[in-house]
């Protein structure tokens, strides 16, 4: 069907549980005989887990694939316990991803995909994990960040090709050799949308696009995790050719080393760290490219670091819809204005 994509934001100016509430409302809206396909990394929201169980009880086919051992060990255990205790329901399927290799080299299931069959097939993708809970474990949320209150987003689409591709990807399983599968290395093209899956043989999708950008381009990058020096060189090239490059990155050096920030400033890139008084995260992951005759947005679960690029299971989406780019640009300007100024 013809797609009218939309964006849903979390962060300053939005209710604290805005994004998880959208997902919960969609879970409740799927009727008996419908289907929910859910893929995520952190999943700690017990009320959302119970809503998925209730959907299975009323006759919805619910498929959940999630990380068994995220970076913060045990963070998903309560939700896993809820789901496992209801595995007697014929409509509930739970697949736990565990790479079974040394943790430093382990591939994480970092994709965030929420697919619903009704009222029409719809997928939500982006940077949001349902990773907070009520009552909250403050130790865990301090370590991983409060994604219900921090900056985050979900992209909603009903594009037939994109929705079908995301559903198939979520259901087909994840093998150690997945990067070599032919379907894994194809782009799926829809109406003003394109979709790529990671890991893949050619991981330079964004790099190659930035290399093609001509003079006087305007680049805006909001990235919670950034360690990709090749992307940084491409942004330096944009500035050298008379363009403009701005960046917003997370406040912690683990996610974005200070050496990266210093190199960007030296190259003329206007980079700022987002620092919130309550340590709320800037967890968004999107890149905006604006030229004289084209606007495009790149978003998804993909961080710009070696693990996301080469190891993790990730998705990358490109939209050439001007309204999407304009909404993201407004979001970027809002966050940028709240950032600490360069030191």
C-alpha atoms as a PDB file:
ATOM      1  CA  UNK A   1       0.000   0.000   0.000  1.00  0.00           C
ATOM      2  CA  UNK A   2       1.041   3.627  -0.404  1.00  0.00           C
ATOM      3  CA  UNK A   3       3.033   4.609   2.645  1.00  0.00           C
ATOM      4  CA  UNK A   4       2.599   7.628   4.880  1.00  0.00           C
ATOM      5  CA  UNK A   5       5.545   7.226   7.250  1.00  0.00           C
ATOM      6  CA  UNK A   6       5.680   9.085  10.526  1.00  0.00           C
ATOM      7  CA  UNK A   7       8.109   9.739  13.348  1.00  0.00           C
ATOM      8  CA  UNK A   8       7.558   9.398  17.077  1.00  0.00           C
ATOM      9  CA  UNK A   9      10.006  11.119  19.403  1.00  0.00           C
ATOM     10  CA  UNK A  10      10.910  10.787  23.047  1.00  0.00           C
ATOM     11  CA  UNK A  11      12.810  13.324  25.110  1.00  0.00           C
ATOM     12  CA  UNK A  12      12.331  16.923  26.209  1.00  0.00           C
ATOM     13  CA  UNK A  13       8.809  18.131  25.484  1.00  0.00           C
ATOM     14  CA  UNK A  14       7.264  14.650  25.312  1.00  0.00           C
ATOM     15  CA  UNK A  15       5.584  12.574  28.038  1.00  0.00           C
ATOM     16  CA  UNK A  16       8.067  10.374  29.877  1.00  0.00           C
ATOM     17  CA  UNK A  17       6.683   7.044  28.600  1.00  0.00           C
ATOM     18  CA  UNK A  18       5.525   8.278  25.217  1.00  0.00           C
ATOM     19  CA  UNK A  19       7.231   5.699  23.005  1.00  0.00           C
ATOM     20  CA  UNK A  20       6.477   2.618  25.124  1.00  0.00           C
ATOM     21  CA  UNK A  21       2.861   3.801  25.406  1.00  0.00           C
ATOM     22  CA  UNK A  22       2.608   3.867  21.602  1.00  0.00           C
ATOM     23  CA  UNK A  23       3.845   0.281  21.456  1.00  0.00           C
ATOM     24  CA  UNK A  24       1.518  -0.867  24.214  1.00  0.00           C
ATOM     25  CA  UNK A  25      -1.491   0.705  22.472  1.00  0.00           C
ATOM     26  CA  UNK A  26      -0.594  -1.141  19.267  1.00  0.00           C
ATOM     27  CA  UNK A  27      -0.262  -4.444  21.137  1.00  0.00           C
ATOM     28  CA  UNK A  28      -3.768  -4.009  22.586  1.00  0.00           C
ATOM     29  CA  UNK A  29      -5.163  -3.126  19.133  1.00  0.00           C
ATOM     30  CA  UNK A  30      -4.235  -6.426  17.443  1.00  0.00           C
ATOM     31  CA  UNK A  31      -7.324  -8.708  17.347  1.00  0.00           C
ATOM     32  CA  UNK A  32      -7.507 -12.502  17.703  1.00  0.00           C
ATOM     33  CA  UNK A  33      -5.985 -14.112  14.627  1.00  0.00           C
ATOM     34  CA  UNK A  34      -3.546 -11.238  14.207  1.00  0.00           C
ATOM     35  CA  UNK A  35       0.203 -11.282  14.606  1.00  0.00           C
ATOM     36  CA  UNK A  36       2.886  -9.373  16.518  1.00  0.00           C
ATOM     37  CA  UNK A  37       6.584  -9.753  15.710  1.00  0.00           C
ATOM     38  CA  UNK A  38       8.934  -8.161  18.240  1.00  0.00           C
ATOM     39  CA  UNK A  39      12.737  -7.939  18.084  1.00  0.00           C
ATOM     40  CA  UNK A  40      14.738  -5.935  20.615  1.00  0.00           C
ATOM     41  CA  UNK A  41      17.948  -5.715  22.623  1.00  0.00           C
ATOM     42  CA  UNK A  42      16.992  -4.435  26.076  1.00  0.00           C
ATOM     43  CA  UNK A  43      13.501  -5.429  27.215  1.00  0.00           C
ATOM     44  CA  UNK A  44      12.819  -4.645  30.874  1.00  0.00           C
ATOM     45  CA  UNK A  45       9.261  -3.228  30.755  1.00  0.00           C
ATOM     46  CA  UNK A  46       7.201  -5.852  32.596  1.00  0.00           C
ATOM     47  CA  UNK A  47       3.860  -4.227  31.764  1.00  0.00           C
ATOM     48  CA  UNK A  48       4.687  -4.427  28.060  1.00  0.00           C
ATOM     49  CA  UNK A  49       5.657  -8.069  28.515  1.00  0.00           C
ATOM     50  CA  UNK A  50       2.311  -8.740  30.230  1.00  0.00           C
ATOM     51  CA  UNK A  51       0.487  -6.973  27.386  1.00  0.00           C
ATOM     52  CA  UNK A  52       2.158  -9.316  24.910  1.00  0.00           C
ATOM     53  CA  UNK A  53       1.131 -12.309  27.026  1.00  0.00           C
ATOM     54  CA  UNK A  54      -2.475 -11.063  27.110  1.00  0.00           C
ATOM     55  CA  UNK A  55      -2.364 -10.716  23.322  1.00  0.00           C
ATOM     56  CA  UNK A  56      -1.319 -14.357  23.049  1.00  0.00           C
ATOM     57  CA  UNK A  57      -4.118 -15.331  25.476  1.00  0.00           C
ATOM     58  CA  UNK A  58      -6.734 -13.742  23.205  1.00  0.00           C
ATOM     59  CA  UNK A  59      -5.492 -15.584  20.135  1.00  0.00           C
ATOM     60  CA  UNK A  60      -2.797 -13.317  18.674  1.00  0.00           C
ATOM     61  CA  UNK A  61       0.331 -15.025  17.354  1.00  0.00           C
ATOM     62  CA  UNK A  62       3.143 -13.312  19.264  1.00  0.00           C
ATOM     63  CA  UNK A  63       6.766 -13.858  18.229  1.00  0.00           C
ATOM     64  CA  UNK A  64       9.420 -12.314  20.461  1.00  0.00           C
ATOM     65  CA  UNK A  65      13.123 -12.383  19.731  1.00  0.00           C
ATOM     66  CA  UNK A  66      15.356 -10.643  22.253  1.00  0.00           C
ATOM     67  CA  UNK A  67      18.856 -10.531  23.632  1.00  0.00           C
ATOM     68  CA  UNK A  68      19.532 -13.093  26.359  1.00  0.00           C
ATOM     69  CA  UNK A  69      22.703 -11.405  27.664  1.00  0.00           C
ATOM     70  CA  UNK A  70      22.850  -7.658  26.940  1.00  0.00           C
ATOM     71  CA  UNK A  71      25.837  -5.583  27.947  1.00  0.00           C
ATOM     72  CA  UNK A  72      24.360  -5.101  31.414  1.00  0.00           C
ATOM     73  CA  UNK A  73      24.130  -8.747  32.467  1.00  0.00           C
ATOM     74  CA  UNK A  74      20.761  -9.852  33.768  1.00  0.00           C
ATOM     75  CA  UNK A  75      18.932  -6.695  32.727  1.00  0.00           C
ATOM     76  CA  UNK A  76      16.324  -8.646  30.738  1.00  0.00           C
ATOM     77  CA  UNK A  77      15.872 -11.453  33.263  1.00  0.00           C
ATOM     78  CA  UNK A  78      12.538 -10.311  34.776  1.00  0.00           C
ATOM     79  CA  UNK A  79      10.850 -10.016  31.378  1.00  0.00           C
ATOM     80  CA  UNK A  80      12.349 -13.318  30.245  1.00  0.00           C
ATOM     81  CA  UNK A  81      10.914 -14.960  33.366  1.00  0.00           C
ATOM     82  CA  UNK A  82       7.423 -13.548  32.651  1.00  0.00           C
ATOM     83  CA  UNK A  83       7.516 -14.781  29.073  1.00  0.00           C
ATOM     84  CA  UNK A  84       8.916 -18.221  29.949  1.00  0.00           C
ATOM     85  CA  UNK A  85       6.208 -18.747  32.564  1.00  0.00           C
ATOM     86  CA  UNK A  86       3.609 -18.372  29.802  1.00  0.00           C
ATOM     87  CA  UNK A  87       5.152 -20.597  27.169  1.00  0.00           C
ATOM     88  CA  UNK A  88       2.192 -22.955  27.520  1.00  0.00           C
ATOM     89  CA  UNK A  89       0.206 -20.471  25.415  1.00  0.00           C
ATOM     90  CA  UNK A  90       0.098 -21.770  21.819  1.00  0.00           C
ATOM     91  CA  UNK A  91       0.295 -18.246  20.421  1.00  0.00           C
ATOM     92  CA  UNK A  92       3.488 -17.224  22.259  1.00  0.00           C
ATOM     93  CA  UNK A  93       6.948 -17.887  20.815  1.00  0.00           C
ATOM     94  CA  UNK A  94      10.128 -16.697  22.539  1.00  0.00           C
ATOM     95  CA  UNK A  95      13.567 -16.875  20.944  1.00  0.00           C
ATOM     96  CA  UNK A  96      16.505 -15.743  23.062  1.00  0.00           C
ATOM     97  CA  UNK A  97      19.641 -14.649  21.237  1.00  0.00           C
ATOM     98  CA  UNK A  98      22.922 -15.740  22.774  1.00  0.00           C
ATOM     99  CA  UNK A  99      26.016 -15.503  20.601  1.00  0.00           C
ATOM    100  CA  UNK A 100      27.807 -18.276  22.567  1.00  0.00           C
ATOM    101  CA  UNK A 101      31.257 -16.780  21.887  1.00  0.00           C
ATOM    102  CA  UNK A 102      33.574 -14.754  24.153  1.00  0.00           C
ATOM    103  CA  UNK A 103      31.751 -11.589  25.236  1.00  0.00           C
ATOM    104  CA  UNK A 104      34.257  -9.199  23.646  1.00  0.00           C
ATOM    105  CA  UNK A 105      33.544 -10.698  20.209  1.00  0.00           C
ATOM    106  CA  UNK A 106      29.896 -11.571  20.771  1.00  0.00           C
ATOM    107  CA  UNK A 107      27.347 -10.412  18.236  1.00  0.00           C
ATOM    108  CA  UNK A 108      24.420  -8.708  19.942  1.00  0.00           C
ATOM    109  CA  UNK A 109      20.860  -8.661  18.695  1.00  0.00           C
ATOM    110  CA  UNK A 110      20.788  -4.875  18.590  1.00  0.00           C
ATOM    111  CA  UNK A 111      17.933  -4.415  16.089  1.00  0.00           C
ATOM    112  CA  UNK A 112      14.731  -2.781  17.320  1.00  0.00           C
ATOM    113  CA  UNK A 113      11.703  -3.901  15.294  1.00  0.00           C
ATOM    114  CA  UNK A 114       8.071  -3.844  16.393  1.00  0.00           C
ATOM    115  CA  UNK A 115       5.739  -5.256  13.718  1.00  0.00           C
ATOM    116  CA  UNK A 116       1.943  -5.455  13.941  1.00  0.00           C
ATOM    117  CA  UNK A 117      -0.484  -7.068  11.508  1.00  0.00           C
ATOM    118  CA  UNK A 118      -3.488  -4.847  12.379  1.00  0.00           C
ATOM    119  CA  UNK A 119      -5.185  -2.603  11.560  1.00  0.00           C
ATOM    120  CA  UNK A 120      -2.799  -2.825   8.584  1.00  0.00           C
ATOM    121  CA  UNK A 121       0.732  -4.314   8.564  1.00  0.00           C
ATOM    122  CA  UNK A 122       2.882  -1.698  10.270  1.00  0.00           C
ATOM    123  CA  UNK A 123       6.472  -1.666  11.497  1.00  0.00           C
ATOM    124  CA  UNK A 124       8.143   0.584  14.030  1.00  0.00           C
ATOM    125  CA  UNK A 125      11.947   0.754  13.922  1.00  0.00           C
ATOM    126  CA  UNK A 126      14.575   3.045  15.347  1.00  0.00           C
ATOM    127  CA  UNK A 127      16.625   3.522  18.489  1.00  0.00           C
ATOM    128  CA  UNK A 128      14.079   2.841  21.246  1.00  0.00           C
ATOM    129  CA  UNK A 129      14.307  -0.187  23.553  1.00  0.00           C
ATOM    130  CA  UNK A 130      11.577  -0.772  26.177  1.00  0.00           C
ATOM    131  CA  UNK A 131      14.374  -0.744  28.723  1.00  0.00           C
ATOM    132  CA  UNK A 132      12.923   0.952  31.786  1.00  0.00           C
ATOM    133  CA  UNK A 133      10.408  -0.356  34.279  1.00  0.00           C
ATOM    134  CA  UNK A 134       8.107   0.632  37.145  1.00  0.00           C
ATOM    135  CA  UNK A 135       9.184   0.395  39.921  1.00  0.00           C
ATOM    136  CA  UNK A 136      12.656   1.103  38.592  1.00  0.00           C
ATOM    137  CA  UNK A 137      15.980  -0.474  39.499  1.00  0.00           C
ATOM    138  CA  UNK A 138      18.032   2.696  39.719  1.00  0.00           C
ATOM    139  CA  UNK A 139      21.328   0.825  39.460  1.00  0.00           C
ATOM    140  CA  UNK A 140      20.412  -0.628  36.083  1.00  0.00           C
ATOM    141  CA  UNK A 141      18.896   2.546  34.657  1.00  0.00           C
ATOM    142  CA  UNK A 142      21.960   4.535  35.751  1.00  0.00           C
ATOM    143  CA  UNK A 143      24.139   2.131  33.781  1.00  0.00           C
ATOM    144  CA  UNK A 144      22.120   1.850  30.563  1.00  0.00           C
ATOM    145  CA  UNK A 145      20.275   5.176  30.518  1.00  0.00           C
ATOM    146  CA  UNK A 146      16.605   6.048  30.885  1.00  0.00           C
ATOM    147  CA  UNK A 147      15.247   5.562  27.381  1.00  0.00           C
ATOM    148  CA  UNK A 148      11.706   6.479  28.422  1.00  0.00           C
ATOM    149  CA  UNK A 149      12.841  10.011  29.281  1.00  0.00           C
ATOM    150  CA  UNK A 150      15.904  10.538  27.099  1.00  0.00           C
ATOM    151  CA  UNK A 151      16.029  11.423  23.404  1.00  0.00           C
ATOM    152  CA  UNK A 152      14.951   8.507  21.233  1.00  0.00           C
ATOM    153  CA  UNK A 153      12.748   7.832  18.240  1.00  0.00           C
ATOM    154  CA  UNK A 154      10.600   5.304  16.435  1.00  0.00           C
ATOM    155  CA  UNK A 155       9.950   5.442  12.697  1.00  0.00           C
ATOM    156  CA  UNK A 156       6.548   4.076  11.687  1.00  0.00           C
ATOM    157  CA  UNK A 157       5.948   2.694   8.206  1.00  0.00           C
ATOM    158  CA  UNK A 158       3.279   0.733   6.382  1.00  0.00           C
ATOM    159  CA  UNK A 159       5.334   0.296   3.220  1.00  0.00           C
ATOM    160  CA  UNK A 160       4.581  -3.214   1.933  1.00  0.00           C
ATOM    161  CA  UNK A 161       8.119  -4.152   0.892  1.00  0.00           C
ATOM    162  CA  UNK A 162       9.788  -2.722   4.002  1.00  0.00           C
ATOM    163  CA  UNK A 163       7.266  -4.265   6.419  1.00  0.00           C
ATOM    164  CA  UNK A 164       7.532  -7.669   4.739  1.00  0.00           C
ATOM    165  CA  UNK A 165      11.331  -7.503   4.830  1.00  0.00           C
ATOM    166  CA  UNK A 166      11.404  -6.599   8.530  1.00  0.00           C
ATOM    167  CA  UNK A 167       8.955  -9.350   9.435  1.00  0.00           C
ATOM    168  CA  UNK A 168      10.914 -11.987   7.505  1.00  0.00           C
ATOM    169  CA  UNK A 169      14.205 -10.824   9.018  1.00  0.00           C
ATOM    170  CA  UNK A 170      12.772 -11.076  12.536  1.00  0.00           C
ATOM    171  CA  UNK A 171      11.265 -14.533  12.050  1.00  0.00           C
ATOM    172  CA  UNK A 172      13.943 -16.291  10.031  1.00  0.00           C
ATOM    173  CA  UNK A 173      16.505 -16.608  12.784  1.00  0.00           C
ATOM    174  CA  UNK A 174      20.072 -15.464  13.137  1.00  0.00           C
ATOM    175  CA  UNK A 175      22.907 -17.801  12.230  1.00  0.00           C
ATOM    176  CA  UNK A 176      26.672 -17.295  12.676  1.00  0.00           C
ATOM    177  CA  UNK A 177      26.999 -17.239   8.878  1.00  0.00           C
ATOM    178  CA  UNK A 178      24.156 -14.806   8.298  1.00  0.00           C
ATOM    179  CA  UNK A 179      26.431 -12.105   6.873  1.00  0.00           C
ATOM    180  CA  UNK A 180      27.054 -14.380   3.876  1.00  0.00           C
ATOM    181  CA  UNK A 181      23.393 -15.083   3.064  1.00  0.00           C
ATOM    182  CA  UNK A 182      22.252 -13.531  -0.209  1.00  0.00           C
ATOM    183  CA  UNK A 183      19.113 -11.960   1.298  1.00  0.00           C
ATOM    184  CA  UNK A 184      21.173 -10.395   4.068  1.00  0.00           C
ATOM    185  CA  UNK A 185      23.256  -8.514   1.514  1.00  0.00           C
ATOM    186  CA  UNK A 186      20.430  -7.161  -0.618  1.00  0.00           C
ATOM    187  CA  UNK A 187      18.812  -3.793  -0.145  1.00  0.00           C
ATOM    188  CA  UNK A 188      15.024  -3.784   0.075  1.00  0.00           C
ATOM    189  CA  UNK A 189      13.486  -0.809  -1.700  1.00  0.00           C
ATOM    190  CA  UNK A 190      10.037   0.568  -1.020  1.00  0.00           C
ATOM    191  CA  UNK A 191       8.228   3.842  -1.605  1.00  0.00           C
ATOM    192  CA  UNK A 192      10.911   6.471  -0.830  1.00  0.00           C
ATOM    193  CA  UNK A 193      12.483   3.970   1.585  1.00  0.00           C
ATOM    194  CA  UNK A 194      15.421   1.564   1.445  1.00  0.00           C
ATOM    195  CA  UNK A 195      16.440  -1.023   4.034  1.00  0.00           C
ATOM    196  CA  UNK A 196      19.740  -2.777   4.767  1.00  0.00           C
ATOM    197  CA  UNK A 197      20.499  -5.554   7.260  1.00  0.00           C
ATOM    198  CA  UNK A 198      23.726  -6.021   9.227  1.00  0.00           C
ATOM    199  CA  UNK A 199      26.046  -7.910   9.521  1.00  0.00           C
ATOM    200  CA  UNK A 200      26.755  -7.934   5.820  1.00  0.00           C
ATOM    201  CA  UNK A 201      29.707  -8.343   3.477  1.00  0.00           C
ATOM    202  CA  UNK A 202      29.682  -4.691   2.388  1.00  0.00           C
ATOM    203  CA  UNK A 203      29.230  -2.574   5.498  1.00  0.00           C
ATOM    204  CA  UNK A 204      30.170   0.750   3.857  1.00  0.00           C
ATOM    205  CA  UNK A 205      26.628   1.814   2.932  1.00  0.00           C
ATOM    206  CA  UNK A 206      26.698   5.185   4.695  1.00  0.00           C
ATOM    207  CA  UNK A 207      30.400   5.699   4.015  1.00  0.00           C
ATOM    208  CA  UNK A 208      29.891   5.344   0.272  1.00  0.00           C
ATOM    209  CA  UNK A 209      26.949   7.736   0.265  1.00  0.00           C
ATOM    210  CA  UNK A 210      28.899  10.425   2.121  1.00  0.00           C
ATOM    211  CA  UNK A 211      31.751  10.009  -0.338  1.00  0.00           C
ATOM    212  CA  UNK A 212      29.346  10.940  -3.151  1.00  0.00           C
ATOM    213  CA  UNK A 213      28.103  14.129  -1.517  1.00  0.00           C
ATOM    214  CA  UNK A 214      29.156  17.184  -3.507  1.00  0.00           C
ATOM    215  CA  UNK A 215      30.072  20.679  -2.379  1.00  0.00           C
ATOM    216  CA  UNK A 216      27.933  22.903  -0.142  1.00  0.00           C
ATOM    217  CA  UNK A 217      26.079  19.977   1.437  1.00  0.00           C
ATOM    218  CA  UNK A 218      24.675  20.216   4.947  1.00  0.00           C
ATOM    219  CA  UNK A 219      25.154  17.189   7.197  1.00  0.00           C
ATOM    220  CA  UNK A 220      23.555  16.721  10.622  1.00  0.00           C
ATOM    221  CA  UNK A 221      24.444  13.641  12.647  1.00  0.00           C
ATOM    222  CA  UNK A 222      22.922  12.603  15.981  1.00  0.00           C
ATOM    223  CA  UNK A 223      24.690   9.463  17.136  1.00  0.00           C
ATOM    224  CA  UNK A 224      24.789   8.054  20.648  1.00  0.00           C
ATOM    225  CA  UNK A 225      27.773   5.768  19.906  1.00  0.00           C
ATOM    226  CA  UNK A 226      30.443   7.068  17.540  1.00  0.00           C
ATOM    227  CA  UNK A 227      33.941   5.687  16.953  1.00  0.00           C
ATOM    228  CA  UNK A 228      34.020   5.441  13.151  1.00  0.00           C
ATOM    229  CA  UNK A 229      37.029   7.428  11.964  1.00  0.00           C
ATOM    230  CA  UNK A 230      36.181   6.740   8.316  1.00  0.00           C
ATOM    231  CA  UNK A 231      32.798   8.440   8.700  1.00  0.00           C
ATOM    232  CA  UNK A 232      34.618  11.287  10.421  1.00  0.00           C
ATOM    233  CA  UNK A 233      36.958  11.644   7.426  1.00  0.00           C
ATOM    234  CA  UNK A 234      33.960  11.793   5.091  1.00  0.00           C
ATOM    235  CA  UNK A 235      32.503  14.616   7.189  1.00  0.00           C
ATOM    236  CA  UNK A 236      35.859  16.385   7.099  1.00  0.00           C
ATOM    237  CA  UNK A 237      35.737  16.140   3.294  1.00  0.00           C
ATOM    238  CA  UNK A 238      32.289  17.759   3.290  1.00  0.00           C
ATOM    239  CA  UNK A 239      33.596  20.699   5.319  1.00  0.00           C
ATOM    240  CA  UNK A 240      36.689  20.960   3.096  1.00  0.00           C
ATOM    241  CA  UNK A 241      34.438  21.225   0.027  1.00  0.00           C
ATOM    242  CA  UNK A 242      32.546  24.159   1.506  1.00  0.00           C
ATOM    243  CA  UNK A 243      29.758  22.262   3.227  1.00  0.00           C
ATOM    244  CA  UNK A 244      28.616  22.185   6.832  1.00  0.00           C
ATOM    245  CA  UNK A 245      28.737  19.298   9.280  1.00  0.00           C
ATOM    246  CA  UNK A 246      27.190  19.233  12.738  1.00  0.00           C
ATOM    247  CA  UNK A 247      27.247  16.394  15.238  1.00  0.00           C
ATOM    248  CA  UNK A 248      25.512  15.554  18.514  1.00  0.00           C
ATOM    249  CA  UNK A 249      27.038  12.711  20.528  1.00  0.00           C
ATOM    250  CA  UNK A 250      26.551  11.057  23.898  1.00  0.00           C
ATOM    251  CA  UNK A 251      28.185  12.550  26.966  1.00  0.00           C
ATOM    252  CA  UNK A 252      30.230   9.471  27.941  1.00  0.00           C
ATOM    253  CA  UNK A 253      33.694   8.721  26.628  1.00  0.00           C
ATOM    254  CA  UNK A 254      32.902   5.006  26.501  1.00  0.00           C
ATOM    255  CA  UNK A 255      30.410   5.692  23.746  1.00  0.00           C
ATOM    256  CA  UNK A 256      32.300   8.570  22.113  1.00  0.00           C
ATOM    257  CA  UNK A 257      36.011   9.009  22.970  1.00  0.00           C
ATOM    258  CA  UNK A 258      37.257  12.543  23.540  1.00  0.00           C
ATOM    259  CA  UNK A 259      39.875  11.979  20.817  1.00  0.00           C
ATOM    260  CA  UNK A 260      37.031  11.698  18.286  1.00  0.00           C
ATOM    261  CA  UNK A 261      35.505  14.950  19.527  1.00  0.00           C
ATOM    262  CA  UNK A 262      38.868  16.730  19.349  1.00  0.00           C
ATOM    263  CA  UNK A 263      39.535  15.465  15.816  1.00  0.00           C
ATOM    264  CA  UNK A 264      36.095  16.608  14.664  1.00  0.00           C
ATOM    265  CA  UNK A 265      36.564  20.113  16.089  1.00  0.00           C
ATOM    266  CA  UNK A 266      39.984  20.409  14.500  1.00  0.00           C
ATOM    267  CA  UNK A 267      38.411  19.583  11.126  1.00  0.00           C
ATOM    268  CA  UNK A 268      35.800  22.316  11.456  1.00  0.00           C
ATOM    269  CA  UNK A 269      32.901  20.049  12.385  1.00  0.00           C
ATOM    270  CA  UNK A 270      30.514  21.635  14.862  1.00  0.00           C
ATOM    271  CA  UNK A 271      30.288  18.819  17.402  1.00  0.00           C
ATOM    272  CA  UNK A 272      28.620  18.938  20.800  1.00  0.00           C
ATOM    273  CA  UNK A 273      28.095  16.450  23.598  1.00  0.00           C
ATOM    274  CA  UNK A 274      24.604  16.138  25.011  1.00  0.00           C
ATOM    275  CA  UNK A 275      24.837  16.416  28.798  1.00  0.00           C
ATOM    276  CA  UNK A 276      21.627  16.332  30.819  1.00  0.00           C
ATOM    277  CA  UNK A 277      21.481  17.302  34.481  1.00  0.00           C
ATOM    278  CA  UNK A 278      19.838  13.939  35.247  1.00  0.00           C
ATOM    279  CA  UNK A 279      22.208  12.033  32.926  1.00  0.00           C
ATOM    280  CA  UNK A 280      19.367  11.273  30.507  1.00  0.00           C
ATOM    281  CA  UNK A 281      20.782   9.802  27.299  1.00  0.00           C
ATOM    282  CA  UNK A 282      20.776  11.098  23.765  1.00  0.00           C
ATOM    283  CA  UNK A 283      20.151   7.644  22.332  1.00  0.00           C
ATOM    284  CA  UNK A 284      19.075   8.682  18.809  1.00  0.00           C
ATOM    285  CA  UNK A 285      20.910   7.360  15.746  1.00  0.00           C
ATOM    286  CA  UNK A 286      20.279   9.324  12.564  1.00  0.00           C
ATOM    287  CA  UNK A 287      22.109  11.138   9.794  1.00  0.00           C
ATOM    288  CA  UNK A 288      20.633  13.904   7.640  1.00  0.00           C
ATOM    289  CA  UNK A 289      22.042  14.846   4.251  1.00  0.00           C
ATOM    290  CA  UNK A 290      20.775  17.989   2.557  1.00  0.00           C
ATOM    291  CA  UNK A 291      21.982  19.096  -0.867  1.00  0.00           C
ATOM    292  CA  UNK A 292      20.655  21.611  -3.364  1.00  0.00           C
ATOM    293  CA  UNK A 293      18.205  19.111  -4.888  1.00  0.00           C
ATOM    294  CA  UNK A 294      17.787  16.291  -2.374  1.00  0.00           C
ATOM    295  CA  UNK A 295      16.997  15.568   1.258  1.00  0.00           C
ATOM    296  CA  UNK A 296      17.593  12.162   2.795  1.00  0.00           C
ATOM    297  CA  UNK A 297      17.541  10.635   6.250  1.00  0.00           C
ATOM    298  CA  UNK A 298      19.443   7.593   7.512  1.00  0.00           C
ATOM    299  CA  UNK A 299      18.213   5.991  10.723  1.00  0.00           C
ATOM    300  CA  UNK A 300      17.727   2.681  12.501  1.00  0.00           C
ATOM    301  CA  UNK A 301      19.513   0.747  15.228  1.00  0.00           C
ATOM    302  CA  UNK A 302      22.996   1.094  13.707  1.00  0.00           C
ATOM    303  CA  UNK A 303      25.653   2.802  15.831  1.00  0.00           C
ATOM    304  CA  UNK A 304      28.680   4.212  14.041  1.00  0.00           C
ATOM    305  CA  UNK A 305      31.247   1.971  15.678  1.00  0.00           C
ATOM    306  CA  UNK A 306      33.050  -1.252  14.776  1.00  0.00           C
ATOM    307  CA  UNK A 307      30.728  -3.595  16.675  1.00  0.00           C
ATOM    308  CA  UNK A 308      27.578  -2.362  14.941  1.00  0.00           C
ATOM    309  CA  UNK A 309      29.280  -2.186  11.564  1.00  0.00           C
ATOM    310  CA  UNK A 310      30.912  -5.623  11.582  1.00  0.00           C
ATOM    311  CA  UNK A 311      29.392  -7.870  14.267  1.00  0.00           C
ATOM    312  CA  UNK A 312      25.961  -6.955  15.620  1.00  0.00           C
ATOM    313  CA  UNK A 313      22.566  -7.642  14.083  1.00  0.00           C
ATOM    314  CA  UNK A 314      21.374  -4.189  13.034  1.00  0.00           C
ATOM    315  CA  UNK A 315      19.088  -2.428  10.610  1.00  0.00           C
ATOM    316  CA  UNK A 316      19.687   0.716   8.574  1.00  0.00           C
ATOM    317  CA  UNK A 317      16.889   2.617   6.864  1.00  0.00           C
ATOM    318  CA  UNK A 318      17.064   5.489   4.356  1.00  0.00           C
ATOM    319  CA  UNK A 319      14.142   7.796   3.684  1.00  0.00           C
ATOM    320  CA  UNK A 320      14.016  10.321   0.855  1.00  0.00           C
ATOM    321  CA  UNK A 321      10.695  11.719   2.076  1.00  0.00           C
ATOM    322  CA  UNK A 322      11.213  15.484   2.672  1.00  0.00           C
ATOM    323  CA  UNK A 323       8.707  15.593   5.557  1.00  0.00           C
ATOM    324  CA  UNK A 324      10.678  12.947   7.440  1.00  0.00           C
ATOM    325  CA  UNK A 325      13.924  14.845   6.942  1.00  0.00           C
ATOM    326  CA  UNK A 326      12.291  18.090   8.050  1.00  0.00           C
ATOM    327  CA  UNK A 327      10.927  16.490  11.237  1.00  0.00           C
ATOM    328  CA  UNK A 328      14.326  15.012  12.058  1.00  0.00           C
ATOM    329  CA  UNK A 329      16.004  18.358  11.330  1.00  0.00           C
ATOM    330  CA  UNK A 330      13.705  20.078  13.818  1.00  0.00           C
ATOM    331  CA  UNK A 331      14.476  17.388  16.381  1.00  0.00           C
ATOM    332  CA  UNK A 332      18.197  17.806  15.734  1.00  0.00           C
ATOM    333  CA  UNK A 333      18.014  21.584  16.202  1.00  0.00           C
ATOM    334  CA  UNK A 334      16.155  21.125  19.486  1.00  0.00           C
ATOM    335  CA  UNK A 335      18.758  18.737  20.889  1.00  0.00           C
ATOM    336  CA  UNK A 336      21.655  20.788  19.486  1.00  0.00           C
ATOM    337  CA  UNK A 337      20.386  23.901  21.277  1.00  0.00           C
ATOM    338  CA  UNK A 338      20.361  21.991  24.577  1.00  0.00           C
ATOM    339  CA  UNK A 339      23.918  20.711  24.216  1.00  0.00           C
ATOM    340  CA  UNK A 340      26.935  22.040  26.004  1.00  0.00           C
ATOM    341  CA  UNK A 341      28.913  24.393  23.821  1.00  0.00           C
ATOM    342  CA  UNK A 342      32.385  23.404  22.556  1.00  0.00           C
ATOM    343  CA  UNK A 343      34.999  23.807  25.248  1.00  0.00           C
END
